[in-house]
Amino acid sequence: NPWQALYDPSRKPLRAAGQFMKENANVAAQYVDWLAPGDEA
């Protein structure tokens, strides 16, 4: 199939490294919610 490599799930971020790092930094920041107070008193 000519599209196999194009959509291969094991492909690495290479040229998209900036976007890859940005999204994973965003995920890491969400764990700060453990330290935040709840929504309601």
All heavy atoms as atom14 arrays in JSON, in Angstrom:
{
  "sequence": "NPWQALYDPSRKPLRAAGQFMKENANVAAQYVDWLAPGDEA",
  "atom14_mask": [
    [1, 1, 1, 1, 1, 1, 1, 1, 0, 0, 0, 0, 0, 0],
    [1, 1, 1, 1, 1, 1, 1, 0, 0, 0, 0, 0, 0, 0],
    [1, 1, 1, 1, 1, 1, 1, 1, 1, 1, 1, 1, 1, 1],
    [1, 1, 1, 1, 1, 1, 1, 1, 1, 0, 0, 0, 0, 0],
    [1, 1, 1, 1, 1, 0, 0, 0, 0, 0, 0, 0, 0, 0],
    [1, 1, 1, 1, 1, 1, 1, 1, 0, 0, 0, 0, 0, 0],
    [1, 1, 1, 1, 1, 1, 1, 1, 1, 1, 1, 1, 0, 0],
    [1, 1, 1, 1, 1, 1, 1, 1, 0, 0, 0, 0, 0, 0],
    [1, 1, 1, 1, 1, 1, 1, 0, 0, 0, 0, 0, 0, 0],
    [1, 1, 1, 1, 1, 1, 0, 0, 0, 0, 0, 0, 0, 0],
    [1, 1, 1, 1, 1, 1, 1, 1, 1, 1, 1, 0, 0, 0],
    [1, 1, 1, 1, 1, 1, 1, 1, 1, 0, 0, 0, 0, 0],
    [1, 1, 1, 1, 1, 1, 1, 0, 0, 0, 0, 0, 0, 0],
    [1, 1, 1, 1, 1, 1, 1, 1, 0, 0, 0, 0, 0, 0],
    [1, 1, 1, 1, 1, 1, 1, 1, 1, 1, 1, 0, 0, 0],
    [1, 1, 1, 1, 1, 0, 0, 0, 0, 0, 0, 0, 0, 0],
    [1, 1, 1, 1, 1, 0, 0, 0, 0, 0, 0, 0, 0, 0],
    [1, 1, 1, 1, 0, 0, 0, 0, 0, 0, 0, 0, 0, 0],
    [1, 1, 1, 1, 1, 1, 1, 1, 1, 0, 0, 0, 0, 0],
    [1, 1, 1, 1, 1, 1, 1, 1, 1, 1, 1, 0, 0, 0],
    [1, 1, 1, 1, 1, 1, 1, 1, 0, 0, 0, 0, 0, 0],
    [1, 1, 1, 1, 1, 1, 1, 1, 1, 0, 0, 0, 0, 0],
    [1, 1, 1, 1, 1, 1, 1, 1, 1, 0, 0, 0, 0, 0],
    [1, 1, 1, 1, 1, 1, 1, 1, 0, 0, 0, 0, 0, 0],
    [1, 1, 1, 1, 1, 0, 0, 0, 0, 0, 0, 0, 0, 0],
    [1, 1, 1, 1, 1, 1, 1, 1, 0, 0, 0, 0, 0, 0],
    [1, 1, 1, 1, 1, 1, 1, 0, 0, 0, 0, 0, 0, 0],
    [1, 1, 1, 1, 1, 0, 0, 0, 0, 0, 0, 0, 0, 0],
    [1, 1, 1, 1, 1, 0, 0, 0, 0, 0, 0, 0, 0, 0],
    [1, 1, 1, 1, 1, 1, 1, 1, 1, 0, 0, 0, 0, 0],
    [1, 1, 1, 1, 1, 1, 1, 1, 1, 1, 1, 1, 0, 0],
    [1, 1, 1, 1, 1, 1, 1, 0, 0, 0, 0, 0, 0, 0],
    [1, 1, 1, 1, 1, 1, 1, 1, 0, 0, 0, 0, 0, 0],
    [1, 1, 1, 1, 1, 1, 1, 1, 1, 1, 1, 1, 1, 1],
    [1, 1, 1, 1, 1, 1, 1, 1, 0, 0, 0, 0, 0, 0],
    [1, 1, 1, 1, 1, 0, 0, 0, 0, 0, 0, 0, 0, 0],
    [1, 1, 1, 1, 1, 1, 1, 0, 0, 0, 0, 0, 0, 0],
    [1, 1, 1, 1, 0, 0, 0, 0, 0, 0, 0, 0, 0, 0],
    [1, 1, 1, 1, 1, 1, 1, 1, 0, 0, 0, 0, 0, 0],
    [1, 1, 1, 1, 1, 1, 1, 1, 1, 0, 0, 0, 0, 0],
    [1, 1, 1, 1, 1, 0, 0, 0, 0, 0, 0, 0, 0, 0]
  ],
  "atom14_positions": [
    [[0.85, -1.18, 0.0], [0.0, 0.0, 0.0], [0.9, 1.24, 0.0], [1.79, 1.35, 0.85], [-0.93, 0.02, 1.22], [-1.95, 1.13, 1.17], [-1.61, 2.31, 1.25], [-3.22, 0.77, 1.02], [0.0, 0.0, 0.0], [0.0, 0.0, 0.0], [0.0, 0.0, 0.0], [0.0, 0.0, 0.0], [0.0, 0.0, 0.0], [0.0, 0.0, 0.0]],
    [[0.69, 2.17, -0.9], [1.59, 3.35, -1.01], [1.52, 4.29, 0.18], [2.37, 5.17, 0.32], [1.1, 4.04, -2.28], [-0.33, 3.62, -2.42], [-0.37, 2.22, -1.91], [0.0, 0.0, 0.0], [0.0, 0.0, 0.0], [0.0, 0.0, 0.0], [0.0, 0.0, 0.0], [0.0, 0.0, 0.0], [0.0, 0.0, 0.0], [0.0, 0.0, 0.0]],
    [[0.5, 4.13, 1.04], [0.32, 5.05, 2.17], [0.85, 4.48, 3.49], [0.71, 5.12, 4.53], [-1.16, 5.39, 2.34], [-1.85, 5.79, 1.07], [-1.31, 6.51, 0.03], [-3.19, 5.48, 0.69], [-2.25, 6.67, -0.96], [-3.41, 6.06, -0.59], [-4.24, 4.8, 1.31], [-4.63, 5.95, -1.26], [-5.46, 4.69, 0.64], [-5.65, 5.26, -0.63]],
    [[1.44, 3.32, 3.46], [1.84, 2.65, 4.7], [2.8, 3.49, 5.54], [2.58, 3.7, 6.74], [2.47, 1.29, 4.39], [2.91, 0.52, 5.64], [3.43, -0.87, 5.3], [3.27, -1.36, 4.18], [4.07, -1.51, 6.28], [0.0, 0.0, 0.0], [0.0, 0.0, 0.0], [0.0, 0.0, 0.0], [0.0, 0.0, 0.0], [0.0, 0.0, 0.0]],
    [[3.87, 3.99, 4.93], [4.86, 4.78, 5.67], [4.29, 6.13, 6.08], [4.63, 6.67, 7.15], [6.12, 4.97, 4.83], [0.0, 0.0, 0.0], [0.0, 0.0, 0.0], [0.0, 0.0, 0.0], [0.0, 0.0, 0.0], [0.0, 0.0, 0.0], [0.0, 0.0, 0.0], [0.0, 0.0, 0.0], [0.0, 0.0, 0.0], [0.0, 0.0, 0.0]],
    [[3.43, 6.7, 5.24], [2.84, 8.0, 5.53], [2.11, 8.01, 6.86], [2.23, 8.94, 7.65], [1.88, 8.4, 4.4], [1.16, 9.74, 4.55], [2.14, 10.89, 4.39], [0.02, 9.84, 3.53], [0.0, 0.0, 0.0], [0.0, 0.0, 0.0], [0.0, 0.0, 0.0], [0.0, 0.0, 0.0], [0.0, 0.0, 0.0], [0.0, 0.0, 0.0]],
    [[1.34, 6.95, 7.12], [0.49, 6.9, 8.32], [1.04, 5.98, 9.42], [0.35, 5.75, 10.41], [-0.92, 6.45, 7.93], [-1.64, 7.45, 7.05], [-1.89, 7.17, 5.7], [-2.06, 8.67, 7.55], [-2.56, 8.08, 4.89], [-2.72, 9.6, 6.75], [-2.97, 9.3, 5.42], [-3.61, 10.21, 4.63], [0.0, 0.0, 0.0], [0.0, 0.0, 0.0]],
    [[2.25, 5.48, 9.25], [2.84, 4.53, 10.19], [2.79, 5.08, 11.63], [3.39, 6.12, 11.93], [4.28, 4.26, 9.79], [4.94, 3.19, 10.65], [4.28, 2.66, 11.58], [6.11, 2.87, 10.4], [0.0, 0.0, 0.0], [0.0, 0.0, 0.0], [0.0, 0.0, 0.0], [0.0, 0.0, 0.0], [0.0, 0.0, 0.0], [0.0, 0.0, 0.0]],
    [[2.11, 4.39, 12.56], [2.01, 4.88, 13.94], [3.34, 4.96, 14.68], [3.45, 5.65, 15.68], [1.09, 3.84, 14.61], [0.28, 3.29, 13.49], [1.23, 3.22, 12.34], [0.0, 0.0, 0.0], [0.0, 0.0, 0.0], [0.0, 0.0, 0.0], [0.0, 0.0, 0.0], [0.0, 0.0, 0.0], [0.0, 0.0, 0.0], [0.0, 0.0, 0.0]],
    [[4.36, 4.27, 14.18], [5.65, 4.28, 14.88], [6.56, 5.43, 14.42], [7.68, 5.56, 14.93], [6.38, 2.95, 14.65], [6.75, 2.79, 13.29], [0.0, 0.0, 0.0], [0.0, 0.0, 0.0], [0.0, 0.0, 0.0], [0.0, 0.0, 0.0], [0.0, 0.0, 0.0], [0.0, 0.0, 0.0], [0.0, 0.0, 0.0], [0.0, 0.0, 0.0]],
    [[6.08, 6.27, 13.52], [6.93, 7.35, 13.01], [7.31, 8.32, 14.14], [6.57, 8.53, 15.09], [6.24, 8.09, 11.86], [5.0, 8.87, 12.25], [4.34, 9.47, 11.0], [3.22, 10.34, 11.29], [1.95, 9.95, 11.38], [1.65, 8.66, 11.2], [1.0, 10.83, 11.65], [0.0, 0.0, 0.0], [0.0, 0.0, 0.0], [0.0, 0.0, 0.0]],
    [[8.5, 8.93, 13.98], [9.04, 9.82, 15.0], [8.73, 11.29, 14.65], [8.53, 11.63, 13.49], [10.56, 9.64, 15.11], [10.99, 8.23, 15.47], [10.45, 7.81, 16.83], [11.1, 6.5, 17.28], [10.74, 5.35, 16.43], [0.0, 0.0, 0.0], [0.0, 0.0, 0.0], [0.0, 0.0, 0.0], [0.0, 0.0, 0.0], [0.0, 0.0, 0.0]],
    [[8.72, 12.19, 15.65], [8.35, 13.58, 15.41], [9.33, 14.39, 14.58], [8.96, 15.37, 13.98], [8.2, 14.16, 16.8], [8.76, 13.2, 17.74], [8.87, 11.88, 17.06], [0.0, 0.0, 0.0], [0.0, 0.0, 0.0], [0.0, 0.0, 0.0], [0.0, 0.0, 0.0], [0.0, 0.0, 0.0], [0.0, 0.0, 0.0], [0.0, 0.0, 0.0]],
    [[10.6, 14.08, 14.56], [11.61, 14.74, 13.74], [11.3, 16.21, 13.45], [11.48, 17.07, 14.28], [11.82, 13.95, 12.44], [12.31, 12.5, 12.64], [12.46, 11.79, 11.32], [13.59, 12.46, 13.44], [0.0, 0.0, 0.0], [0.0, 0.0, 0.0], [0.0, 0.0, 0.0], [0.0, 0.0, 0.0], [0.0, 0.0, 0.0], [0.0, 0.0, 0.0]],
    [[10.81, 16.54, 12.24], [10.57, 17.95, 11.89], [9.47, 18.58, 12.73], [9.36, 19.8, 12.8], [10.17, 18.06, 10.42], [11.25, 17.66, 9.43], [10.85, 18.17, 8.05], [11.31, 17.26, 7.0], [11.13, 17.48, 5.71], [10.49, 18.57, 5.31], [11.57, 16.63, 4.81], [0.0, 0.0, 0.0], [0.0, 0.0, 0.0], [0.0, 0.0, 0.0]],
    [[8.63, 17.74, 13.35], [7.53, 18.27, 14.19], [7.9, 18.26, 15.66], [7.03, 18.26, 16.53], [6.27, 17.45, 13.95], [0.0, 0.0, 0.0], [0.0, 0.0, 0.0], [0.0, 0.0, 0.0], [0.0, 0.0, 0.0], [0.0, 0.0, 0.0], [0.0, 0.0, 0.0], [0.0, 0.0, 0.0], [0.0, 0.0, 0.0], [0.0, 0.0, 0.0]],
    [[9.2, 18.27, 15.95], [9.64, 18.17, 17.35], [9.11, 19.31, 18.21], [8.76, 19.12, 19.37], [11.17, 18.14, 17.41], [0.0, 0.0, 0.0], [0.0, 0.0, 0.0], [0.0, 0.0, 0.0], [0.0, 0.0, 0.0], [0.0, 0.0, 0.0], [0.0, 0.0, 0.0], [0.0, 0.0, 0.0], [0.0, 0.0, 0.0], [0.0, 0.0, 0.0]],
    [[9.02, 20.51, 17.62], [8.51, 21.65, 18.4], [7.09, 21.45, 18.86], [6.76, 21.69, 20.03], [0.0, 0.0, 0.0], [0.0, 0.0, 0.0], [0.0, 0.0, 0.0], [0.0, 0.0, 0.0], [0.0, 0.0, 0.0], [0.0, 0.0, 0.0], [0.0, 0.0, 0.0], [0.0, 0.0, 0.0], [0.0, 0.0, 0.0], [0.0, 0.0, 0.0]],
    [[6.22, 20.99, 17.95], [4.83, 20.73, 18.31], [4.73, 19.59, 19.31], [3.94, 19.62, 20.25], [4.02, 20.4, 17.05], [2.53, 20.2, 17.27], [1.82, 21.47, 17.68], [2.35, 22.56, 17.48], [0.63, 21.35, 18.23], [0.0, 0.0, 0.0], [0.0, 0.0, 0.0], [0.0, 0.0, 0.0], [0.0, 0.0, 0.0], [0.0, 0.0, 0.0]],
    [[5.55, 18.56, 19.11], [5.59, 17.41, 20.01], [5.93, 17.85, 21.43], [5.26, 17.48, 22.4], [6.64, 16.42, 19.49], [6.88, 15.23, 20.39], [6.04, 14.13, 20.35], [7.97, 15.2, 21.25], [6.28, 13.03, 21.17], [8.21, 14.11, 22.06], [7.37, 13.02, 22.01], [0.0, 0.0, 0.0], [0.0, 0.0, 0.0], [0.0, 0.0, 0.0]],
    [[6.97, 18.68, 21.58], [7.4, 19.14, 22.91], [6.36, 20.07, 23.53], [6.09, 20.01, 24.74], [8.75, 19.84, 22.8], [9.88, 18.91, 22.38], [11.44, 19.78, 22.08], [11.78, 20.4, 23.72], [0.0, 0.0, 0.0], [0.0, 0.0, 0.0], [0.0, 0.0, 0.0], [0.0, 0.0, 0.0], [0.0, 0.0, 0.0], [0.0, 0.0, 0.0]],
    [[5.74, 20.92, 22.71], [4.74, 21.86, 23.21], [3.55, 21.12, 23.82], [3.1, 21.44, 24.94], [4.27, 22.76, 22.08], [3.14, 23.72, 22.46], [2.67, 24.52, 21.24], [1.46, 25.37, 21.6], [0.97, 26.12, 20.4], [0.0, 0.0, 0.0], [0.0, 0.0, 0.0], [0.0, 0.0, 0.0], [0.0, 0.0, 0.0], [0.0, 0.0, 0.0]],
    [[3.03, 20.13, 23.1], [1.85, 19.4, 23.59], [2.18, 18.58, 24.84], [1.38, 18.5, 25.76], [1.28, 18.5, 22.49], [0.67, 19.25, 21.32], [-0.6, 20.01, 21.68], [-1.03, 19.97, 22.85], [-1.18, 20.64, 20.78], [0.0, 0.0, 0.0], [0.0, 0.0, 0.0], [0.0, 0.0, 0.0], [0.0, 0.0, 0.0], [0.0, 0.0, 0.0]],
    [[3.36, 17.98, 24.89], [3.7, 17.18, 26.05], [4.02, 18.04, 27.27], [3.79, 17.64, 28.4], [4.85, 16.22, 25.71], [4.37, 15.02, 24.94], [3.76, 14.11, 25.49], [4.61, 15.02, 23.64], [0.0, 0.0, 0.0], [0.0, 0.0, 0.0], [0.0, 0.0, 0.0], [0.0, 0.0, 0.0], [0.0, 0.0, 0.0], [0.0, 0.0, 0.0]],
    [[4.53, 19.26, 27.04], [4.73, 20.19, 28.15], [3.37, 20.61, 28.71], [3.19, 20.76, 29.93], [5.51, 21.41, 27.68], [0.0, 0.0, 0.0], [0.0, 0.0, 0.0], [0.0, 0.0, 0.0], [0.0, 0.0, 0.0], [0.0, 0.0, 0.0], [0.0, 0.0, 0.0], [0.0, 0.0, 0.0], [0.0, 0.0, 0.0], [0.0, 0.0, 0.0]],
    [[2.39, 20.77, 27.82], [1.04, 21.11, 28.25], [0.46, 20.0, 29.11], [-0.18, 20.26, 30.14], [0.16, 21.36, 27.02], [-1.3, 21.59, 27.39], [-2.07, 20.64, 27.54], [-1.68, 22.85, 27.53], [0.0, 0.0, 0.0], [0.0, 0.0, 0.0], [0.0, 0.0, 0.0], [0.0, 0.0, 0.0], [0.0, 0.0, 0.0], [0.0, 0.0, 0.0]],
    [[0.69, 18.76, 28.72], [0.19, 17.62, 29.51], [0.85, 17.62, 30.88], [0.17, 17.45, 31.91], [0.47, 16.3, 28.78], [0.21, 15.11, 29.7], [-0.4, 16.19, 27.53], [0.0, 0.0, 0.0], [0.0, 0.0, 0.0], [0.0, 0.0, 0.0], [0.0, 0.0, 0.0], [0.0, 0.0, 0.0], [0.0, 0.0, 0.0], [0.0, 0.0, 0.0]],
    [[2.15, 17.81, 30.91], [2.86, 17.8, 32.19], [2.33, 18.86, 33.14], [2.21, 18.65, 34.36], [4.36, 18.0, 31.95], [0.0, 0.0, 0.0], [0.0, 0.0, 0.0], [0.0, 0.0, 0.0], [0.0, 0.0, 0.0], [0.0, 0.0, 0.0], [0.0, 0.0, 0.0], [0.0, 0.0, 0.0], [0.0, 0.0, 0.0], [0.0, 0.0, 0.0]],
    [[1.95, 20.01, 32.58], [1.45, 21.11, 33.41], [0.13, 20.79, 34.08], [-0.2, 21.35, 35.13], [1.29, 22.37, 32.54], [0.0, 0.0, 0.0], [0.0, 0.0, 0.0], [0.0, 0.0, 0.0], [0.0, 0.0, 0.0], [0.0, 0.0, 0.0], [0.0, 0.0, 0.0], [0.0, 0.0, 0.0], [0.0, 0.0, 0.0], [0.0, 0.0, 0.0]],
    [[-0.63, 19.84, 33.51], [-1.95, 19.53, 34.08], [-1.84, 18.81, 35.42], [-2.78, 18.82, 36.21], [-2.76, 18.68, 33.1], [-2.94, 19.3, 31.72], [-3.33, 20.76, 31.79], [-4.29, 21.14, 32.48], [-2.59, 21.61, 31.08], [0.0, 0.0, 0.0], [0.0, 0.0, 0.0], [0.0, 0.0, 0.0], [0.0, 0.0, 0.0], [0.0, 0.0, 0.0]],
    [[-0.71, 18.2, 35.69], [-0.55, 17.5, 36.97], [-0.47, 18.47, 38.15], [-0.59, 18.07, 39.3], [0.67, 16.58, 36.93], [0.44, 15.35, 36.08], [0.84, 15.33, 34.75], [-0.21, 14.23, 36.59], [0.6, 14.22, 33.94], [-0.44, 13.12, 35.8], [-0.04, 13.11, 34.49], [-0.29, 12.01, 33.69], [0.0, 0.0, 0.0], [0.0, 0.0, 0.0]],
    [[-0.3, 19.76, 37.83], [-0.31, 20.78, 38.88], [-1.69, 20.85, 39.54], [-1.84, 21.32, 40.67], [0.09, 22.16, 38.29], [-0.03, 23.26, 39.34], [1.52, 22.09, 37.77], [0.0, 0.0, 0.0], [0.0, 0.0, 0.0], [0.0, 0.0, 0.0], [0.0, 0.0, 0.0], [0.0, 0.0, 0.0], [0.0, 0.0, 0.0], [0.0, 0.0, 0.0]],
    [[-2.73, 20.35, 38.83], [-4.08, 20.36, 39.41], [-4.15, 19.62, 40.74], [-5.05, 19.85, 41.54], [-5.08, 19.72, 38.43], [-5.4, 20.66, 37.27], [-5.12, 21.86, 37.4], [-5.94, 20.19, 36.25], [0.0, 0.0, 0.0], [0.0, 0.0, 0.0], [0.0, 0.0, 0.0], [0.0, 0.0, 0.0], [0.0, 0.0, 0.0], [0.0, 0.0, 0.0]],
    [[-3.2, 18.73, 40.98], [-3.18, 18.03, 42.27], [-2.97, 19.01, 43.42], [-3.41, 18.78, 44.55], [-2.06, 16.99, 42.28], [-2.49, 15.67, 41.72], [-2.2, 15.15, 40.5], [-3.3, 14.69, 42.38], [-2.78, 13.92, 40.34], [-3.46, 13.61, 41.49], [-3.91, 14.63, 43.63], [-4.2, 12.47, 41.82], [-4.65, 13.49, 43.95], [-4.79, 12.43, 43.06]],
    [[-2.28, 20.12, 43.13], [-1.97, 21.08, 44.18], [-3.03, 22.16, 44.32], [-3.05, 22.88, 45.32], [-0.61, 21.74, 43.88], [0.57, 20.78, 43.7], [1.82, 21.58, 43.33], [0.79, 19.95, 44.95], [0.0, 0.0, 0.0], [0.0, 0.0, 0.0], [0.0, 0.0, 0.0], [0.0, 0.0, 0.0], [0.0, 0.0, 0.0], [0.0, 0.0, 0.0]],
    [[-3.88, 22.28, 43.31], [-4.88, 23.34, 43.32], [-6.05, 22.98, 44.23], [-6.34, 21.8, 44.45], [-5.39, 23.58, 41.9], [0.0, 0.0, 0.0], [0.0, 0.0, 0.0], [0.0, 0.0, 0.0], [0.0, 0.0, 0.0], [0.0, 0.0, 0.0], [0.0, 0.0, 0.0], [0.0, 0.0, 0.0], [0.0, 0.0, 0.0], [0.0, 0.0, 0.0]],
    [[-6.76, 23.97, 44.75], [-7.95, 23.68, 45.54], [-9.06, 23.16, 44.64], [-8.97, 23.23, 43.42], [-8.32, 25.04, 46.14], [-7.75, 26.02, 45.18], [-6.47, 25.41, 44.66], [0.0, 0.0, 0.0], [0.0, 0.0, 0.0], [0.0, 0.0, 0.0], [0.0, 0.0, 0.0], [0.0, 0.0, 0.0], [0.0, 0.0, 0.0], [0.0, 0.0, 0.0]],
    [[-10.13, 22.65, 45.22], [-11.26, 22.16, 44.45], [-12.06, 23.3, 43.85], [-11.83, 24.48, 44.1], [0.0, 0.0, 0.0], [0.0, 0.0, 0.0], [0.0, 0.0, 0.0], [0.0, 0.0, 0.0], [0.0, 0.0, 0.0], [0.0, 0.0, 0.0], [0.0, 0.0, 0.0], [0.0, 0.0, 0.0], [0.0, 0.0, 0.0], [0.0, 0.0, 0.0]],
    [[-13.06, 22.94, 43.03], [-13.9, 23.95, 42.39], [-14.86, 24.61, 43.38], [-15.21, 25.77, 43.24], [-14.73, 23.3, 41.27], [-13.85, 22.72, 40.18], [-12.74, 23.24, 40.0], [-14.28, 21.76, 39.52], [0.0, 0.0, 0.0], [0.0, 0.0, 0.0], [0.0, 0.0, 0.0], [0.0, 0.0, 0.0], [0.0, 0.0, 0.0], [0.0, 0.0, 0.0]],
    [[-15.35, 23.83, 44.33], [-16.35, 24.31, 45.27], [-15.79, 24.2, 46.7], [-15.05, 23.28, 47.02], [-17.63, 23.49, 45.17], [-18.26, 23.5, 43.78], [-19.03, 24.78, 43.5], [-19.24, 25.55, 44.46], [-19.41, 24.99, 42.34], [0.0, 0.0, 0.0], [0.0, 0.0, 0.0], [0.0, 0.0, 0.0], [0.0, 0.0, 0.0], [0.0, 0.0, 0.0]],
    [[-16.15, 25.15, 47.55], [-15.69, 25.08, 48.94], [-16.39, 23.96, 49.7], [-15.84, 23.4, 50.63], [-15.93, 26.42, 49.63], [0.0, 0.0, 0.0], [0.0, 0.0, 0.0], [0.0, 0.0, 0.0], [0.0, 0.0, 0.0], [0.0, 0.0, 0.0], [0.0, 0.0, 0.0], [0.0, 0.0, 0.0], [0.0, 0.0, 0.0], [0.0, 0.0, 0.0]]
  ]
}
